Amino acid sequence: HNIGINGTFGKKHCAAYRIQYTYSENWGTYLNPLNKKGYTTSLLGEITFAPKGSNWAGSLSIGYDDSNFIGNNFGAMITLSRVYSIKL
């Protein structure tokens, strides 16, 4: 199961957000089945800031997984990007 929301806010400085939740139950693969059912719960949060009239954008993403077969995991990512236009 997967559910998420996203949207934007701000007039002068445009910011966007995304929140996503995932729950899955797993029995492994055909070649490597699990002895008992495994589960994974994942949560992702992301915010992106892109000033209007600028080619620059920055974002921060944070994710967490809680699982009884692949372990618990945490990750974060910071992104800075610039958009270029090529006119042909």
PDB file of N, CA and C in Angstrom:
ATOM      1  N   HIS A   1       0.845  -1.160   0.000  1.00  0.00           N
ATOM      2  CA  HIS A   1       0.000   0.000   0.000  1.00  0.00           C
ATOM      3  C   HIS A   1       0.895   1.228   0.000  1.00  0.00           C
ATOM      4  N   ASN A   2       0.474   2.224  -0.747  1.00  0.00           N
ATOM      5  CA  ASN A   2       1.265   3.436  -0.883  1.00  0.00           C
ATOM      6  C   ASN A   2       0.316   4.632  -0.875  1.00  0.00           C
ATOM      7  N   ILE A   3       0.643   5.633  -0.074  1.00  0.00           N
ATOM      8  CA  ILE A   3      -0.169   6.843  -0.047  1.00  0.00           C
ATOM      9  C   ILE A   3       0.772   8.033   0.079  1.00  0.00           C
ATOM     10  N   GLY A   4       0.411   9.121  -0.558  1.00  0.00           N
ATOM     11  CA  GLY A   4       1.258  10.297  -0.492  1.00  0.00           C
ATOM     12  C   GLY A   4       0.468  11.560  -0.741  1.00  0.00           C
ATOM     13  N   ILE A   5       1.060  12.664  -0.319  1.00  0.00           N
ATOM     14  CA  ILE A   5       0.486  13.979  -0.609  1.00  0.00           C
ATOM     15  C   ILE A   5       1.619  14.879  -1.082  1.00  0.00           C
ATOM     16  N   ASN A   6       1.260  15.839  -1.918  1.00  0.00           N
ATOM     17  CA  ASN A   6       2.235  16.826  -2.351  1.00  0.00           C
ATOM     18  C   ASN A   6       1.523  18.136  -2.629  1.00  0.00           C
ATOM     19  N   GLY A   7       2.282  19.196  -2.679  1.00  0.00           N
ATOM     20  CA  GLY A   7       1.700  20.495  -2.944  1.00  0.00           C
ATOM     21  C   GLY A   7       2.760  21.571  -2.950  1.00  0.00           C
ATOM     22  N   THR A   8       2.309  22.808  -3.086  1.00  0.00           N
ATOM     23  CA  THR A   8       3.214  23.953  -3.099  1.00  0.00           C
ATOM     24  C   THR A   8       2.681  25.022  -2.149  1.00  0.00           C
ATOM     25  N   PHE A   9       3.559  25.916  -1.747  1.00  0.00           N
ATOM     26  CA  PHE A   9       3.157  27.058  -0.937  1.00  0.00           C
ATOM     27  C   PHE A   9       4.130  28.203  -1.163  1.00  0.00           C
ATOM     28  N   GLY A  10       3.710  29.400  -0.822  1.00  0.00           N
ATOM     29  CA  GLY A  10       4.553  30.576  -1.000  1.00  0.00           C
ATOM     30  C   GLY A  10       4.242  31.290  -2.293  1.00  0.00           C
ATOM     31  N   LYS A  11       4.248  32.620  -2.241  1.00  0.00           N
ATOM     32  CA  LYS A  11       3.992  33.421  -3.443  1.00  0.00           C
ATOM     33  C   LYS A  11       5.285  33.966  -4.030  1.00  0.00           C
ATOM     34  N   LYS A  12       6.118  34.588  -3.194  1.00  0.00           N
ATOM     35  CA  LYS A  12       7.360  35.169  -3.692  1.00  0.00           C
ATOM     36  C   LYS A  12       8.423  34.091  -3.914  1.00  0.00           C
ATOM     37  N   HIS A  13       8.516  33.158  -2.991  1.00  0.00           N
ATOM     38  CA  HIS A  13       9.465  32.061  -3.101  1.00  0.00           C
ATOM     39  C   HIS A  13       8.661  30.770  -3.145  1.00  0.00           C
ATOM     40  N   CYS A  14       8.739  30.091  -4.245  1.00  0.00           N
ATOM     41  CA  CYS A  14       7.930  28.888  -4.426  1.00  0.00           C
ATOM     42  C   CYS A  14       8.595  27.702  -3.732  1.00  0.00           C
ATOM     43  N   ALA A  15       7.853  27.041  -2.888  1.00  0.00           N
ATOM     44  CA  ALA A  15       8.339  25.837  -2.223  1.00  0.00           C
ATOM     45  C   ALA A  15       7.347  24.714  -2.478  1.00  0.00           C
ATOM     46  N   ALA A  16       7.850  23.523  -2.631  1.00  0.00           N
ATOM     47  CA  ALA A  16       7.014  22.347  -2.862  1.00  0.00           C
ATOM     48  C   ALA A  16       7.349  21.304  -1.806  1.00  0.00           C
ATOM     49  N   TYR A  17       6.354  20.503  -1.452  1.00  0.00           N
ATOM     50  CA  TYR A  17       6.570  19.448  -0.470  1.00  0.00           C
ATOM     51  C   TYR A  17       5.991  18.139  -0.982  1.00  0.00           C
ATOM     52  N   ARG A  18       6.509  17.052  -0.447  1.00  0.00           N
ATOM     53  CA  ARG A  18       6.013  15.717  -0.780  1.00  0.00           C
ATOM     54  C   ARG A  18       6.206  14.838   0.448  1.00  0.00           C
ATOM     55  N   ILE A  19       5.164  14.124   0.824  1.00  0.00           N
ATOM     56  CA  ILE A  19       5.228  13.159   1.916  1.00  0.00           C
ATOM     57  C   ILE A  19       4.642  11.848   1.386  1.00  0.00           C
ATOM     58  N   GLN A  20       5.368  10.764   1.591  1.00  0.00           N
ATOM     59  CA  GLN A  20       4.938   9.474   1.053  1.00  0.00           C
ATOM     60  C   GLN A  20       5.109   8.387   2.102  1.00  0.00           C
ATOM     61  N   TYR A  21       4.095   7.534   2.253  1.00  0.00           N
ATOM     62  CA  TYR A  21       4.116   6.412   3.183  1.00  0.00           C
ATOM     63  C   TYR A  21       3.851   5.129   2.409  1.00  0.00           C
ATOM     64  N   THR A  22       4.636   4.096   2.671  1.00  0.00           N
ATOM     65  CA  THR A  22       4.481   2.810   1.991  1.00  0.00           C
ATOM     66  C   THR A  22       4.536   1.689   3.012  1.00  0.00           C
ATOM     67  N   TYR A  23       3.634   0.719   2.860  1.00  0.00           N
ATOM     68  CA  TYR A  23       3.651  -0.496   3.673  1.00  0.00           C
ATOM     69  C   TYR A  23       3.566  -1.684   2.726  1.00  0.00           C
ATOM     70  N   SER A  24       4.453  -2.652   2.906  1.00  0.00           N
ATOM     71  CA  SER A  24       4.403  -3.844   2.060  1.00  0.00           C
ATOM     72  C   SER A  24       4.682  -5.088   2.888  1.00  0.00           C
ATOM     73  N   GLU A  25       4.038  -6.177   2.491  1.00  0.00           N
ATOM     74  CA  GLU A  25       4.285  -7.498   3.071  1.00  0.00           C
ATOM     75  C   GLU A  25       4.943  -8.344   1.994  1.00  0.00           C
ATOM     76  N   ASN A  26       5.949  -9.115   2.391  1.00  0.00           N
ATOM     77  CA  ASN A  26       6.771  -9.821   1.408  1.00  0.00           C
ATOM     78  C   ASN A  26       6.986 -11.265   1.823  1.00  0.00           C
ATOM     79  N   TRP A  27       7.004 -12.136   0.823  1.00  0.00           N
ATOM     80  CA  TRP A  27       7.286 -13.556   1.041  1.00  0.00           C
ATOM     81  C   TRP A  27       8.604 -13.961   0.394  1.00  0.00           C
ATOM     82  N   GLY A  28       9.403 -13.009  -0.020  1.00  0.00           N
ATOM     83  CA  GLY A  28      10.678 -13.313  -0.667  1.00  0.00           C
ATOM     84  C   GLY A  28      10.504 -13.454  -2.163  1.00  0.00           C
ATOM     85  N   THR A  29      11.403 -14.231  -2.780  1.00  0.00           N
ATOM     86  CA  THR A  29      11.333 -14.474  -4.223  1.00  0.00           C
ATOM     87  C   THR A  29      11.144 -15.966  -4.461  1.00  0.00           C
ATOM     88  N   TYR A  30      10.904 -16.343  -5.706  1.00  0.00           N
ATOM     89  CA  TYR A  30      10.763 -17.759  -6.036  1.00  0.00           C
ATOM     90  C   TYR A  30      12.033 -18.543  -5.685  1.00  0.00           C
ATOM     91  N   LEU A  31      13.193 -17.936  -5.939  1.00  0.00           N
ATOM     92  CA  LEU A  31      14.453 -18.621  -5.666  1.00  0.00           C
ATOM     93  C   LEU A  31      14.866 -18.529  -4.202  1.00  0.00           C
ATOM     94  N   ASN A  32      14.453 -17.480  -3.504  1.00  0.00           N
ATOM     95  CA  ASN A  32      14.827 -17.280  -2.098  1.00  0.00           C
ATOM     96  C   ASN A  32      13.600 -16.913  -1.263  1.00  0.00           C
ATOM     97  N   PRO A  33      12.704 -17.875  -1.017  1.00  0.00           N
ATOM     98  CA  PRO A  33      11.521 -17.555  -0.215  1.00  0.00           C
ATOM     99  C   PRO A  33      11.886 -17.350   1.256  1.00  0.00           C
ATOM    100  N   LEU A  34      11.093 -16.511   1.932  1.00  0.00           N
ATOM    101  CA  LEU A  34      11.282 -16.277   3.360  1.00  0.00           C
ATOM    102  C   LEU A  34      10.548 -17.355   4.157  1.00  0.00           C
ATOM    103  N   ASN A  35      11.055 -17.702   5.338  1.00  0.00           N
ATOM    104  CA  ASN A  35      10.392 -18.673   6.195  1.00  0.00           C
ATOM    105  C   ASN A  35       9.108 -18.115   6.789  1.00  0.00           C
ATOM    106  N   LYS A  36       9.108 -16.825   7.082  1.00  0.00           N
ATOM    107  CA  LYS A  36       7.898 -16.164   7.559  1.00  0.00           C
ATOM    108  C   LYS A  36       7.739 -14.849   6.810  1.00  0.00           C
ATOM    109  N   LYS A  37       6.533 -14.344   6.791  1.00  0.00           N
ATOM    110  CA  LYS A  37       6.227 -13.131   6.035  1.00  0.00           C
ATOM    111  C   LYS A  37       7.038 -11.949   6.570  1.00  0.00           C
ATOM    112  N   GLY A  38       7.627 -11.197   5.660  1.00  0.00           N
ATOM    113  CA  GLY A  38       8.371  -9.998   6.024  1.00  0.00           C
ATOM    114  C   GLY A  38       7.538  -8.762   5.751  1.00  0.00           C
ATOM    115  N   TYR A  39       7.859  -7.700   6.423  1.00  0.00           N
ATOM    116  CA  TYR A  39       7.151  -6.441   6.195  1.00  0.00           C
ATOM    117  C   TYR A  39       8.154  -5.299   6.089  1.00  0.00           C
ATOM    118  N   THR A  40       7.740  -4.257   5.424  1.00  0.00           N
ATOM    119  CA  THR A  40       8.519  -3.033   5.338  1.00  0.00           C
ATOM    120  C   THR A  40       7.570  -1.842   5.442  1.00  0.00           C
ATOM    121  N   THR A  41       7.917  -0.905   6.284  1.00  0.00           N
ATOM    122  CA  THR A  41       7.205   0.361   6.394  1.00  0.00           C
ATOM    123  C   THR A  41       8.196   1.452   6.039  1.00  0.00           C
ATOM    124  N   SER A  42       7.838   2.299   5.087  1.00  0.00           N
ATOM    125  CA  SER A  42       8.742   3.352   4.617  1.00  0.00           C
ATOM    126  C   SER A  42       8.053   4.705   4.698  1.00  0.00           C
ATOM    127  N   LEU A  43       8.829   5.727   5.032  1.00  0.00           N
ATOM    128  CA  LEU A  43       8.328   7.092   5.099  1.00  0.00           C
ATOM    129  C   LEU A  43       9.336   8.009   4.421  1.00  0.00           C
ATOM    130  N   LEU A  44       8.841   8.879   3.537  1.00  0.00           N
ATOM    131  CA  LEU A  44       9.684   9.825   2.807  1.00  0.00           C
ATOM    132  C   LEU A  44       9.108  11.221   2.965  1.00  0.00           C
ATOM    133  N   GLY A  45       9.948  12.189   3.279  1.00  0.00           N
ATOM    134  CA  GLY A  45       9.568  13.591   3.317  1.00  0.00           C
ATOM    135  C   GLY A  45      10.541  14.398   2.484  1.00  0.00           C
ATOM    136  N   GLU A  46      10.023  15.319   1.683  1.00  0.00           N
ATOM    137  CA  GLU A  46      10.883  16.113   0.803  1.00  0.00           C
ATOM    138  C   GLU A  46      10.329  17.525   0.696  1.00  0.00           C
ATOM    139  N   ILE A  47      11.219  18.502   0.725  1.00  0.00           N
ATOM    140  CA  ILE A  47      10.840  19.889   0.492  1.00  0.00           C
ATOM    141  C   ILE A  47      11.819  20.481  -0.522  1.00  0.00           C
ATOM    142  N   THR A  48      11.260  21.208  -1.492  1.00  0.00           N
ATOM    143  CA  THR A  48      12.053  21.817  -2.556  1.00  0.00           C
ATOM    144  C   THR A  48      11.780  23.317  -2.558  1.00  0.00           C
ATOM    145  N   PHE A  49      12.835  24.094  -2.654  1.00  0.00           N
ATOM    146  CA  PHE A  49      12.746  25.550  -2.667  1.00  0.00           C
ATOM    147  C   PHE A  49      13.299  26.045  -3.995  1.00  0.00           C
ATOM    148  N   ALA A  50      12.466  26.766  -4.767  1.00  0.00           N
ATOM    149  CA  ALA A  50      12.883  27.295  -6.073  1.00  0.00           C
ATOM    150  C   ALA A  50      12.387  28.729  -6.195  1.00  0.00           C
ATOM    151  N   PRO A  51      13.245  29.725  -5.961  1.00  0.00           N
ATOM    152  CA  PRO A  51      12.812  31.123  -6.068  1.00  0.00           C
ATOM    153  C   PRO A  51      12.306  31.436  -7.478  1.00  0.00           C
ATOM    154  N   LYS A  52      11.209  32.162  -7.542  1.00  0.00           N
ATOM    155  CA  LYS A  52      10.652  32.532  -8.852  1.00  0.00           C
ATOM    156  C   LYS A  52      11.616  33.464  -9.582  1.00  0.00           C
ATOM    157  N   GLY A  53      11.758  33.267 -10.873  1.00  0.00           N
ATOM    158  CA  GLY A  53      12.661  34.067 -11.678  1.00  0.00           C
ATOM    159  C   GLY A  53      14.104  33.608 -11.613  1.00  0.00           C
ATOM    160  N   SER A  54      14.376  32.538 -10.897  1.00  0.00           N
ATOM    161  CA  SER A  54      15.733  32.019 -10.768  1.00  0.00           C
ATOM    162  C   SER A  54      15.818  30.656 -11.430  1.00  0.00           C
ATOM    163  N   ASN A  55      16.988  30.315 -11.917  1.00  0.00           N
ATOM    164  CA  ASN A  55      17.219  28.980 -12.493  1.00  0.00           C
ATOM    165  C   ASN A  55      17.715  27.986 -11.457  1.00  0.00           C
ATOM    166  N   TRP A  56      17.800  28.401 -10.203  1.00  0.00           N
ATOM    167  CA  TRP A  56      18.322  27.553  -9.138  1.00  0.00           C
ATOM    168  C   TRP A  56      17.195  26.918  -8.322  1.00  0.00           C
ATOM    169  N   ALA A  57      17.454  25.740  -7.795  1.00  0.00           N
ATOM    170  CA  ALA A  57      16.518  25.066  -6.896  1.00  0.00           C
ATOM    171  C   ALA A  57      17.324  24.231  -5.907  1.00  0.00           C
ATOM    172  N   GLY A  58      16.792  24.087  -4.730  1.00  0.00           N
ATOM    173  CA  GLY A  58      17.430  23.259  -3.708  1.00  0.00           C
ATOM    174  C   GLY A  58      16.383  22.398  -3.030  1.00  0.00           C
ATOM    175  N   SER A  59      16.768  21.221  -2.592  1.00  0.00           N
ATOM    176  CA  SER A  59      15.808  20.346  -1.919  1.00  0.00           C
ATOM    177  C   SER A  59      16.487  19.554  -0.807  1.00  0.00           C
ATOM    178  N   LEU A  60      15.665  19.129   0.139  1.00  0.00           N
ATOM    179  CA  LEU A  60      16.084  18.276   1.234  1.00  0.00           C
ATOM    180  C   LEU A  60      15.119  17.115   1.311  1.00  0.00           C
ATOM    181  N   SER A  61      15.645  15.896   1.284  1.00  0.00           N
ATOM    182  CA  SER A  61      14.836  14.680   1.365  1.00  0.00           C
ATOM    183  C   SER A  61      15.312  13.847   2.538  1.00  0.00           C
ATOM    184  N   ILE A  62      14.352  13.286   3.271  1.00  0.00           N
ATOM    185  CA  ILE A  62      14.660  12.407   4.397  1.00  0.00           C
ATOM    186  C   ILE A  62      13.778  11.172   4.282  1.00  0.00           C
ATOM    187  N   GLY A  63      14.388   9.999   4.424  1.00  0.00           N
ATOM    188  CA  GLY A  63      13.640   8.751   4.324  1.00  0.00           C
ATOM    189  C   GLY A  63      13.998   7.794   5.449  1.00  0.00           C
ATOM    190  N   TYR A  64      13.020   6.968   5.832  1.00  0.00           N
ATOM    191  CA  TYR A  64      13.221   5.975   6.888  1.00  0.00           C
ATOM    192  C   TYR A  64      12.480   4.701   6.524  1.00  0.00           C
ATOM    193  N   ASP A  65      13.136   3.564   6.710  1.00  0.00           N
ATOM    194  CA  ASP A  65      12.539   2.247   6.494  1.00  0.00           C
ATOM    195  C   ASP A  65      12.592   1.458   7.797  1.00  0.00           C
ATOM    196  N   ASP A  66      11.492   0.807   8.125  1.00  0.00           N
ATOM    197  CA  ASP A  66      11.413  -0.104   9.271  1.00  0.00           C
ATOM    198  C   ASP A  66      11.022  -1.457   8.701  1.00  0.00           C
ATOM    199  N   SER A  67      11.897  -2.459   8.833  1.00  0.00           N
ATOM    200  CA  SER A  67      11.655  -3.746   8.193  1.00  0.00           C
ATOM    201  C   SER A  67      12.171  -4.876   9.058  1.00  0.00           C
ATOM    202  N   ASN A  68      11.450  -6.000   9.046  1.00  0.00           N
ATOM    203  CA  ASN A  68      11.916  -7.149   9.811  1.00  0.00           C
ATOM    204  C   ASN A  68      12.763  -8.108   8.967  1.00  0.00           C
ATOM    205  N   PHE A  69      13.013  -7.780   7.698  1.00  0.00           N
ATOM    206  CA  PHE A  69      13.873  -8.674   6.917  1.00  0.00           C
ATOM    207  C   PHE A  69      15.014  -7.963   6.202  1.00  0.00           C
ATOM    208  N   ILE A  70      14.962  -6.659   6.016  1.00  0.00           N
ATOM    209  CA  ILE A  70      16.126  -5.956   5.460  1.00  0.00           C
ATOM    210  C   ILE A  70      16.711  -4.987   6.463  1.00  0.00           C
ATOM    211  N   GLY A  71      16.120  -4.883   7.647  1.00  0.00           N
ATOM    212  CA  GLY A  71      16.642  -4.013   8.685  1.00  0.00           C
ATOM    213  C   GLY A  71      16.086  -2.605   8.593  1.00  0.00           C
ATOM    214  N   ASN A  72      16.408  -1.817   9.598  1.00  0.00           N
ATOM    215  CA  ASN A  72      15.983  -0.423   9.635  1.00  0.00           C
ATOM    216  C   ASN A  72      17.031   0.437   8.938  1.00  0.00           C
ATOM    217  N   ASN A  73      16.565   1.393   8.150  1.00  0.00           N
ATOM    218  CA  ASN A  73      17.458   2.248   7.378  1.00  0.00           C
ATOM    219  C   ASN A  73      16.998   3.690   7.453  1.00  0.00           C
ATOM    220  N   PHE A  74      17.963   4.615   7.440  1.00  0.00           N
ATOM    221  CA  PHE A  74      17.681   6.043   7.435  1.00  0.00           C
ATOM    222  C   PHE A  74      18.580   6.683   6.385  1.00  0.00           C
ATOM    223  N   GLY A  75      18.036   7.634   5.655  1.00  0.00           N
ATOM    224  CA  GLY A  75      18.840   8.326   4.660  1.00  0.00           C
ATOM    225  C   GLY A  75      18.392   9.766   4.498  1.00  0.00           C
ATOM    226  N   ALA A  76      19.303  10.605   4.082  1.00  0.00           N
ATOM    227  CA  ALA A  76      19.005  12.010   3.822  1.00  0.00           C
ATOM    228  C   ALA A  76      19.779  12.443   2.583  1.00  0.00           C
ATOM    229  N   MET A  77      19.196  13.388   1.844  1.00  0.00           N
ATOM    230  CA  MET A  77      19.844  13.871   0.633  1.00  0.00           C
ATOM    231  C   MET A  77      19.591  15.372   0.498  1.00  0.00           C
ATOM    232  N   ILE A  78      20.634  16.107   0.176  1.00  0.00           N
ATOM    233  CA  ILE A  78      20.534  17.532  -0.122  1.00  0.00           C
ATOM    234  C   ILE A  78      20.892  17.699  -1.599  1.00  0.00           C
ATOM    235  N   THR A  79      20.044  18.422  -2.320  1.00  0.00           N
ATOM    236  CA  THR A  79      20.251  18.609  -3.753  1.00  0.00           C
ATOM    237  C   THR A  79      20.247  20.088  -4.083  1.00  0.00           C
ATOM    238  N   LEU A  80      21.192  20.507  -4.905  1.00  0.00           N
ATOM    239  CA  LEU A  80      21.227  21.851  -5.454  1.00  0.00           C
ATOM    240  C   LEU A  80      21.299  21.702  -6.966  1.00  0.00           C
ATOM    241  N   SER A  81      20.376  22.345  -7.681  1.00  0.00           N
ATOM    242  CA  SER A  81      20.352  22.168  -9.138  1.00  0.00           C
ATOM    243  C   SER A  81      20.129  23.503  -9.838  1.00  0.00           C
ATOM    244  N   ARG A  82      20.568  23.539 -11.063  1.00  0.00           N
ATOM    245  CA  ARG A  82      20.388  24.711 -11.924  1.00  0.00           C
ATOM    246  C   ARG A  82      19.854  24.214 -13.254  1.00  0.00           C
ATOM    247  N   VAL A  83      18.873  24.918 -13.779  1.00  0.00           N
ATOM    248  CA  VAL A  83      18.237  24.542 -15.036  1.00  0.00           C
ATOM    249  C   VAL A  83      18.760  25.434 -16.149  1.00  0.00           C
ATOM    250  N   TYR A  84      19.158  24.832 -17.248  1.00  0.00           N
ATOM    251  CA  TYR A  84      19.624  25.556 -18.427  1.00  0.00           C
ATOM    252  C   TYR A  84      18.666  25.293 -19.594  1.00  0.00           C
ATOM    253  N   SER A  85      18.501  26.277 -20.452  1.00  0.00           N
ATOM    254  CA  SER A  85      17.691  26.127 -21.633  1.00  0.00           C
ATOM    255  C   SER A  85      18.584  26.153 -22.865  1.00  0.00           C
ATOM    256  N   ILE A  86      18.311  25.261 -23.780  1.00  0.00           N
ATOM    257  CA  ILE A  86      19.034  25.233 -25.050  1.00  0.00           C
ATOM    258  C   ILE A  86      18.022  25.538 -26.137  1.00  0.00           C
ATOM    259  N   LYS A  87      18.244  26.621 -26.837  1.00  0.00           N
ATOM    260  CA  LYS A  87      17.322  27.028 -27.909  1.00  0.00           C
ATOM    261  C   LYS A  87      17.909  26.611 -29.244  1.00  0.00           C
ATOM    262  N   LEU A  88      17.130  25.880 -30.011  1.00  0.00           N
ATOM    263  CA  LEU A  88      17.589  25.420 -31.333  1.00  0.00           C
ATOM    264  C   LEU A  88      16.914  26.175 -32.442  1.00  0.00           C
TER     265      LEU A  88
END
